[in-house]
Protein backbone atom coordinates (compact mmCIF):
# COMPACT_ATOMS: atom_id res chain seq x y z
CA MET A 1 45.52 -48.06 -110.25
CA ALA A 2 47.97 -47.46 -113.07
CA THR A 3 48.37 -44.29 -115.10
CA VAL A 4 48.64 -44.75 -118.87
CA ASN A 5 50.16 -42.03 -121.04
CA PHE A 6 50.27 -42.02 -124.84
CA THR A 7 52.78 -40.32 -127.10
CA PRO A 8 51.60 -36.84 -128.12
CA GLN A 9 52.00 -37.78 -131.81
CA LEU A 10 48.83 -39.86 -131.56
CA GLU A 11 46.86 -36.68 -130.89
CA ARG A 12 47.36 -35.78 -134.56
CA PHE A 13 45.07 -38.69 -135.47
CA LEU A 14 42.74 -39.21 -132.51
CA THR A 15 42.12 -38.43 -128.87
CA ALA A 16 44.60 -40.20 -126.59
CA PRO A 17 44.39 -38.58 -123.16
CA PRO A 18 46.12 -40.02 -120.10
CA ALA A 19 44.01 -42.56 -118.23
CA THR A 20 44.04 -44.05 -114.76
CA VAL A 21 42.73 -47.61 -114.71
CA ALA A 22 42.95 -50.82 -112.70
CA GLY A 23 44.74 -53.96 -113.87
CA ASP A 24 47.57 -56.29 -112.97
CA THR A 25 49.08 -56.82 -116.44
CA VAL A 26 49.74 -54.58 -119.42
CA LYS A 27 46.98 -56.40 -121.28
CA THR A 28 44.31 -55.81 -118.65
CA VAL A 29 45.28 -52.16 -118.22
CA LEU A 30 45.26 -51.45 -121.95
CA SER A 31 41.99 -53.33 -122.35
CA GLU A 32 40.39 -50.96 -119.85
CA VAL A 33 41.68 -47.93 -121.75
CA PHE A 34 40.63 -49.31 -125.14
CA ALA A 35 37.11 -50.15 -123.90
CA ASP A 36 36.41 -46.41 -124.11
CA ASN A 37 38.58 -45.71 -127.16
CA ARG A 38 38.47 -48.44 -129.84
CA LYS A 39 40.18 -46.26 -132.47
CA LEU A 40 43.20 -45.89 -130.21
CA GLU A 41 43.40 -49.67 -129.90
CA GLY A 42 43.88 -49.98 -133.66
CA TYR A 43 46.88 -47.67 -133.56
CA VAL A 44 48.55 -49.61 -130.74
CA LEU A 45 47.61 -53.26 -131.33
CA ASP A 46 47.41 -55.36 -134.47
CA GLU A 47 44.54 -57.66 -135.44
CA GLN A 48 45.86 -60.42 -133.13
CA GLY A 49 46.05 -58.13 -130.11
CA ARG A 50 49.85 -57.84 -130.23
CA LEU A 51 51.79 -54.61 -130.10
CA ARG A 52 52.33 -53.14 -133.53
CA LYS A 53 55.88 -53.28 -134.83
CA HIS A 54 56.71 -49.64 -134.18
CA VAL A 55 55.05 -49.31 -130.78
CA ALA A 56 56.93 -49.51 -127.49
CA VAL A 57 55.38 -49.81 -124.04
CA PHE A 58 57.23 -48.98 -120.84
CA VAL A 59 56.09 -49.85 -117.32
CA ASP A 60 57.80 -47.79 -114.64
CA GLY A 61 60.59 -46.88 -117.06
CA LYS A 62 61.29 -50.43 -118.26
CA MET A 63 60.34 -51.65 -121.74
CA ILE A 64 57.96 -54.60 -121.58
CA GLU A 65 59.25 -58.00 -122.65
CA ASP A 66 56.04 -59.72 -123.78
CA ARG A 67 54.92 -57.96 -126.97
CA GLU A 68 52.53 -60.77 -127.94
CA ASP A 69 50.44 -61.53 -124.84
CA LEU A 70 51.21 -58.30 -122.95
CA SER A 71 51.59 -60.30 -119.74
CA ASP A 72 54.16 -58.02 -118.08
CA PRO A 73 53.03 -57.18 -114.53
CA VAL A 74 51.66 -53.80 -113.54
CA GLY A 75 51.78 -52.69 -109.94
CA GLU A 76 49.51 -50.41 -107.98
CA GLY A 77 50.54 -46.88 -108.92
CA SER A 78 52.57 -47.93 -111.97
CA GLU A 79 53.17 -45.49 -114.81
CA ILE A 80 52.76 -46.86 -118.32
CA PHE A 81 53.98 -45.02 -121.40
CA VAL A 82 52.87 -46.06 -124.89
CA MET A 83 55.08 -44.66 -127.63
CA GLN A 84 55.28 -44.95 -131.38
CA ALA A 85 58.58 -44.77 -133.21
CA LEU A 86 58.95 -41.79 -135.50
CA SER A 87 60.77 -41.93 -138.81
CA GLY A 88 61.72 -39.53 -141.48
CA GLY A 89 64.38 -36.94 -141.91
């Protein structure tokens, strides 16, 4: 099972606790997390199910390549980090 962690900044808007779920791609793992937290899905994915422009996902320390279909592989015991870019000064 993979562990999914979300940037703490999301906690300002909604609950985004770490989750441990099964799946072999980023898409399947995130789908499991979002099944219990639909509001979180809207912050991470756009209406077509793609990563939003200012969201980055890392699997085992490497940024994913497929931002549209989220087909990057996830291994047993992988750590996934979902982060949003911050702006301002």
